[in-house]
Amino acid sequence: MTDKMTYQVDQLEDKVKRLHEELLTLNTQVIAVEKNLLVLRGEATLVEKEVTSMASKSGWLYKIITAGFVTAIIAWIVAGGLAE
């Protein structure tokens, strides 16, 4: 009876060791994934800031272009563009 119990204890001990190794492997993988997520979040924040900056700059660009067209039309009218 004791031989059988010793065998079962040894089997359980081996299973515990394998499970412990798998747990360590999974823990390492989770840590790597968390690091990658942090890097991606940082990059996403930078991209969001750049897009916001571009949007605000393009608003000014549209205003400047529109003002240029309006000025050109007024200059054309003043120069006698409608009289021709």
N, C-alpha and C. Protein backbone atom coordinates (compact mmCIF):
# COMPACT_ATOMS: atom_id res chain seq x y z
N MET A 1 0.81 -1.20 0.00
CA MET A 1 0.00 0.00 0.00
C MET A 1 0.85 1.25 0.00
N THR A 2 1.94 1.24 0.69
CA THR A 2 2.78 2.42 0.76
C THR A 2 3.51 2.67 -0.56
N ASP A 3 3.83 1.60 -1.28
CA ASP A 3 4.46 1.77 -2.59
C ASP A 3 3.51 2.49 -3.55
N LYS A 4 2.26 2.11 -3.47
CA LYS A 4 1.27 2.74 -4.34
C LYS A 4 1.11 4.22 -3.97
N MET A 5 1.08 4.55 -2.70
CA MET A 5 0.93 5.94 -2.26
C MET A 5 2.17 6.75 -2.64
N THR A 6 3.33 6.14 -2.51
CA THR A 6 4.58 6.82 -2.88
C THR A 6 4.55 7.14 -4.38
N TYR A 7 4.11 6.17 -5.16
CA TYR A 7 4.01 6.37 -6.61
C TYR A 7 3.04 7.51 -6.92
N GLN A 8 1.90 7.54 -6.26
CA GLN A 8 0.90 8.58 -6.51
C GLN A 8 1.42 9.95 -6.09
N VAL A 9 2.12 10.00 -4.99
CA VAL A 9 2.70 11.26 -4.53
C VAL A 9 3.74 11.74 -5.54
N ASP A 10 4.56 10.83 -6.03
CA ASP A 10 5.56 11.20 -7.04
C ASP A 10 4.89 11.72 -8.31
N GLN A 11 3.81 11.06 -8.72
CA GLN A 11 3.08 11.51 -9.91
C GLN A 11 2.50 12.91 -9.69
N LEU A 12 1.92 13.13 -8.53
CA LEU A 12 1.36 14.44 -8.23
C LEU A 12 2.46 15.50 -8.16
N GLU A 13 3.58 15.13 -7.61
CA GLU A 13 4.70 16.07 -7.52
C GLU A 13 5.19 16.47 -8.93
N ASP A 14 5.26 15.51 -9.82
CA ASP A 14 5.65 15.80 -11.21
C ASP A 14 4.64 16.72 -11.88
N LYS A 15 3.36 16.46 -11.65
CA LYS A 15 2.32 17.31 -12.24
C LYS A 15 2.40 18.73 -11.70
N VAL A 16 2.66 18.86 -10.40
CA VAL A 16 2.78 20.19 -9.79
C VAL A 16 3.98 20.92 -10.40
N LYS A 17 5.09 20.23 -10.59
CA LYS A 17 6.28 20.85 -11.19
C LYS A 17 5.98 21.32 -12.61
N ARG A 18 5.30 20.49 -13.41
CA ARG A 18 4.96 20.88 -14.78
C ARG A 18 4.01 22.06 -14.80
N LEU A 19 3.03 22.03 -13.90
CA LEU A 19 2.09 23.15 -13.83
C LEU A 19 2.80 24.44 -13.41
N HIS A 20 3.75 24.32 -12.51
CA HIS A 20 4.51 25.48 -12.07
C HIS A 20 5.33 26.05 -13.24
N GLU A 21 5.95 25.19 -14.02
CA GLU A 21 6.71 25.64 -15.19
C GLU A 21 5.80 26.31 -16.21
N GLU A 22 4.63 25.74 -16.44
CA GLU A 22 3.67 26.35 -17.37
C GLU A 22 3.20 27.70 -16.86
N LEU A 23 3.00 27.79 -15.57
CA LEU A 23 2.57 29.06 -14.97
C LEU A 23 3.64 30.13 -15.15
N LEU A 24 4.90 29.77 -14.96
CA LEU A 24 6.00 30.71 -15.16
C LEU A 24 6.06 31.17 -16.62
N THR A 25 5.87 30.23 -17.54
CA THR A 25 5.88 30.57 -18.96
C THR A 25 4.74 31.53 -19.29
N LEU A 26 3.56 31.22 -18.80
CA LEU A 26 2.41 32.09 -19.05
C LEU A 26 2.61 33.46 -18.42
N ASN A 27 3.18 33.50 -17.23
CA ASN A 27 3.45 34.77 -16.57
C ASN A 27 4.41 35.62 -17.39
N THR A 28 5.45 35.00 -17.93
CA THR A 28 6.40 35.70 -18.78
C THR A 28 5.71 36.24 -20.03
N GLN A 29 4.84 35.45 -20.63
CA GLN A 29 4.14 35.89 -21.83
C GLN A 29 3.19 37.04 -21.51
N VAL A 30 2.51 36.99 -20.38
CA VAL A 30 1.60 38.07 -19.99
C VAL A 30 2.37 39.36 -19.77
N ILE A 31 3.53 39.26 -19.15
CA ILE A 31 4.35 40.45 -18.92
C ILE A 31 4.78 41.06 -20.27
N ALA A 32 5.17 40.21 -21.21
CA ALA A 32 5.57 40.70 -22.53
C ALA A 32 4.40 41.38 -23.24
N VAL A 33 3.22 40.80 -23.14
CA VAL A 33 2.04 41.39 -23.77
C VAL A 33 1.70 42.73 -23.13
N GLU A 34 1.80 42.81 -21.82
CA GLU A 34 1.52 44.07 -21.12
C GLU A 34 2.50 45.15 -21.55
N LYS A 35 3.77 44.80 -21.70
CA LYS A 35 4.75 45.77 -22.17
C LYS A 35 4.41 46.26 -23.58
N ASN A 36 4.04 45.33 -24.45
CA ASN A 36 3.66 45.71 -25.81
C ASN A 36 2.44 46.61 -25.82
N LEU A 37 1.47 46.34 -24.97
CA LEU A 37 0.29 47.19 -24.88
C LEU A 37 0.63 48.59 -24.41
N LEU A 38 1.53 48.69 -23.45
CA LEU A 38 1.96 50.01 -22.99
C LEU A 38 2.64 50.79 -24.11
N VAL A 39 3.47 50.12 -24.88
CA VAL A 39 4.14 50.78 -26.01
C VAL A 39 3.10 51.23 -27.03
N LEU A 40 2.14 50.37 -27.33
CA LEU A 40 1.10 50.72 -28.30
C LEU A 40 0.24 51.88 -27.81
N ARG A 41 -0.05 51.91 -26.52
CA ARG A 41 -0.83 53.03 -25.98
C ARG A 41 -0.07 54.33 -26.13
N GLY A 42 1.23 54.30 -25.87
CA GLY A 42 2.06 55.49 -26.04
C GLY A 42 2.08 55.95 -27.47
N GLU A 43 2.23 55.01 -28.40
CA GLU A 43 2.23 55.36 -29.82
C GLU A 43 0.87 55.90 -30.24
N ALA A 44 -0.20 55.31 -29.74
CA ALA A 44 -1.54 55.78 -30.09
C ALA A 44 -1.77 57.20 -29.58
N THR A 45 -1.25 57.50 -28.40
CA THR A 45 -1.36 58.85 -27.86
C THR A 45 -0.61 59.85 -28.74
N LEU A 46 0.58 59.47 -29.17
CA LEU A 46 1.35 60.35 -30.06
C LEU A 46 0.63 60.58 -31.38
N VAL A 47 0.07 59.53 -31.94
CA VAL A 47 -0.67 59.65 -33.21
C VAL A 47 -1.88 60.55 -33.02
N GLU A 48 -2.58 60.38 -31.91
CA GLU A 48 -3.76 61.21 -31.64
C GLU A 48 -3.37 62.68 -31.54
N LYS A 49 -2.27 62.97 -30.87
CA LYS A 49 -1.81 64.36 -30.76
C LYS A 49 -1.45 64.92 -32.13
N GLU A 50 -0.77 64.13 -32.95
CA GLU A 50 -0.38 64.58 -34.28
C GLU A 50 -1.60 64.85 -35.15
N VAL A 51 -2.58 63.98 -35.09
CA VAL A 51 -3.80 64.17 -35.88
C VAL A 51 -4.53 65.44 -35.44
N THR A 52 -4.61 65.65 -34.13
CA THR A 52 -5.25 66.86 -33.62
C THR A 52 -4.49 68.10 -34.09
N SER A 53 -3.18 68.04 -34.05
CA SER A 53 -2.35 69.15 -34.50
C SER A 53 -2.55 69.41 -35.99
N MET A 54 -2.59 68.35 -36.77
CA MET A 54 -2.79 68.50 -38.21
C MET A 54 -4.16 69.08 -38.51
N ALA A 55 -5.17 68.65 -37.77
CA ALA A 55 -6.53 69.16 -37.98
C ALA A 55 -6.59 70.65 -37.68
N SER A 56 -5.95 71.08 -36.62
CA SER A 56 -5.99 72.51 -36.28
C SER A 56 -5.19 73.32 -37.30
N LYS A 57 -4.07 72.77 -37.77
CA LYS A 57 -3.28 73.47 -38.79
C LYS A 57 -4.02 73.52 -40.12
N SER A 58 -4.71 72.47 -40.47
CA SER A 58 -5.44 72.47 -41.76
C SER A 58 -6.60 73.46 -41.71
N GLY A 59 -7.18 73.69 -40.54
CA GLY A 59 -8.25 74.69 -40.42
C GLY A 59 -7.72 76.07 -40.77
N TRP A 60 -6.53 76.39 -40.26
CA TRP A 60 -5.92 77.67 -40.59
C TRP A 60 -5.55 77.74 -42.07
N LEU A 61 -5.09 76.64 -42.62
CA LEU A 61 -4.73 76.60 -44.03
C LEU A 61 -5.95 76.89 -44.90
N TYR A 62 -7.09 76.29 -44.58
CA TYR A 62 -8.32 76.55 -45.33
C TYR A 62 -8.73 78.01 -45.23
N LYS A 63 -8.58 78.59 -44.06
CA LYS A 63 -8.92 80.01 -43.88
C LYS A 63 -8.01 80.89 -44.72
N ILE A 64 -6.72 80.60 -44.75
CA ILE A 64 -5.77 81.40 -45.53
C ILE A 64 -6.05 81.27 -47.02
N ILE A 65 -6.33 80.07 -47.49
CA ILE A 65 -6.63 79.87 -48.91
C ILE A 65 -7.92 80.60 -49.29
N THR A 66 -8.93 80.50 -48.46
CA THR A 66 -10.19 81.19 -48.72
C THR A 66 -9.98 82.70 -48.76
N ALA A 67 -9.21 83.22 -47.80
CA ALA A 67 -8.92 84.66 -47.78
C ALA A 67 -8.17 85.07 -49.04
N GLY A 68 -7.28 84.24 -49.53
CA GLY A 68 -6.54 84.52 -50.76
C GLY A 68 -7.47 84.60 -51.96
N PHE A 69 -8.40 83.65 -52.05
CA PHE A 69 -9.36 83.69 -53.16
C PHE A 69 -10.24 84.94 -53.10
N VAL A 70 -10.73 85.25 -51.92
CA VAL A 70 -11.58 86.44 -51.76
C VAL A 70 -10.79 87.70 -52.13
N THR A 71 -9.55 87.79 -51.68
CA THR A 71 -8.71 88.95 -52.01
C THR A 71 -8.47 89.03 -53.51
N ALA A 72 -8.22 87.89 -54.16
CA ALA A 72 -8.00 87.89 -55.61
C ALA A 72 -9.24 88.34 -56.35
N ILE A 73 -10.41 87.91 -55.92
CA ILE A 73 -11.67 88.32 -56.58
C ILE A 73 -11.89 89.82 -56.40
N ILE A 74 -11.66 90.31 -55.18
CA ILE A 74 -11.84 91.75 -54.92
C ILE A 74 -10.84 92.53 -55.77
N ALA A 75 -9.59 92.08 -55.86
CA ALA A 75 -8.56 92.77 -56.65
C ALA A 75 -8.95 92.77 -58.13
N TRP A 76 -9.50 91.68 -58.60
CA TRP A 76 -9.92 91.57 -60.00
C TRP A 76 -11.05 92.55 -60.28
N ILE A 77 -12.01 92.64 -59.36
CA ILE A 77 -13.15 93.56 -59.52
C ILE A 77 -12.64 95.01 -59.50
N VAL A 78 -11.77 95.35 -58.56
CA VAL A 78 -11.23 96.70 -58.46
C VAL A 78 -10.42 97.07 -59.70
N ALA A 79 -9.72 96.11 -60.26
CA ALA A 79 -8.91 96.35 -61.46
C ALA A 79 -9.76 96.49 -62.71
N GLY A 80 -11.07 96.36 -62.59
CA GLY A 80 -11.95 96.53 -63.75
C GLY A 80 -12.33 95.22 -64.40
N GLY A 81 -12.32 94.16 -63.68
CA GLY A 81 -12.66 92.85 -64.21
C GLY A 81 -14.09 92.75 -64.69
N LEU A 82 -15.01 93.45 -64.07
CA LEU A 82 -16.41 93.40 -64.49
C LEU A 82 -16.69 94.31 -65.66
N ALA A 83 -15.86 95.33 -65.90
CA ALA A 83 -16.09 96.28 -66.97
C ALA A 83 -15.74 95.72 -68.32
N GLU A 84 -14.94 94.72 -68.39
CA GLU A 84 -14.50 94.17 -69.67
C GLU A 84 -15.51 93.34 -70.35
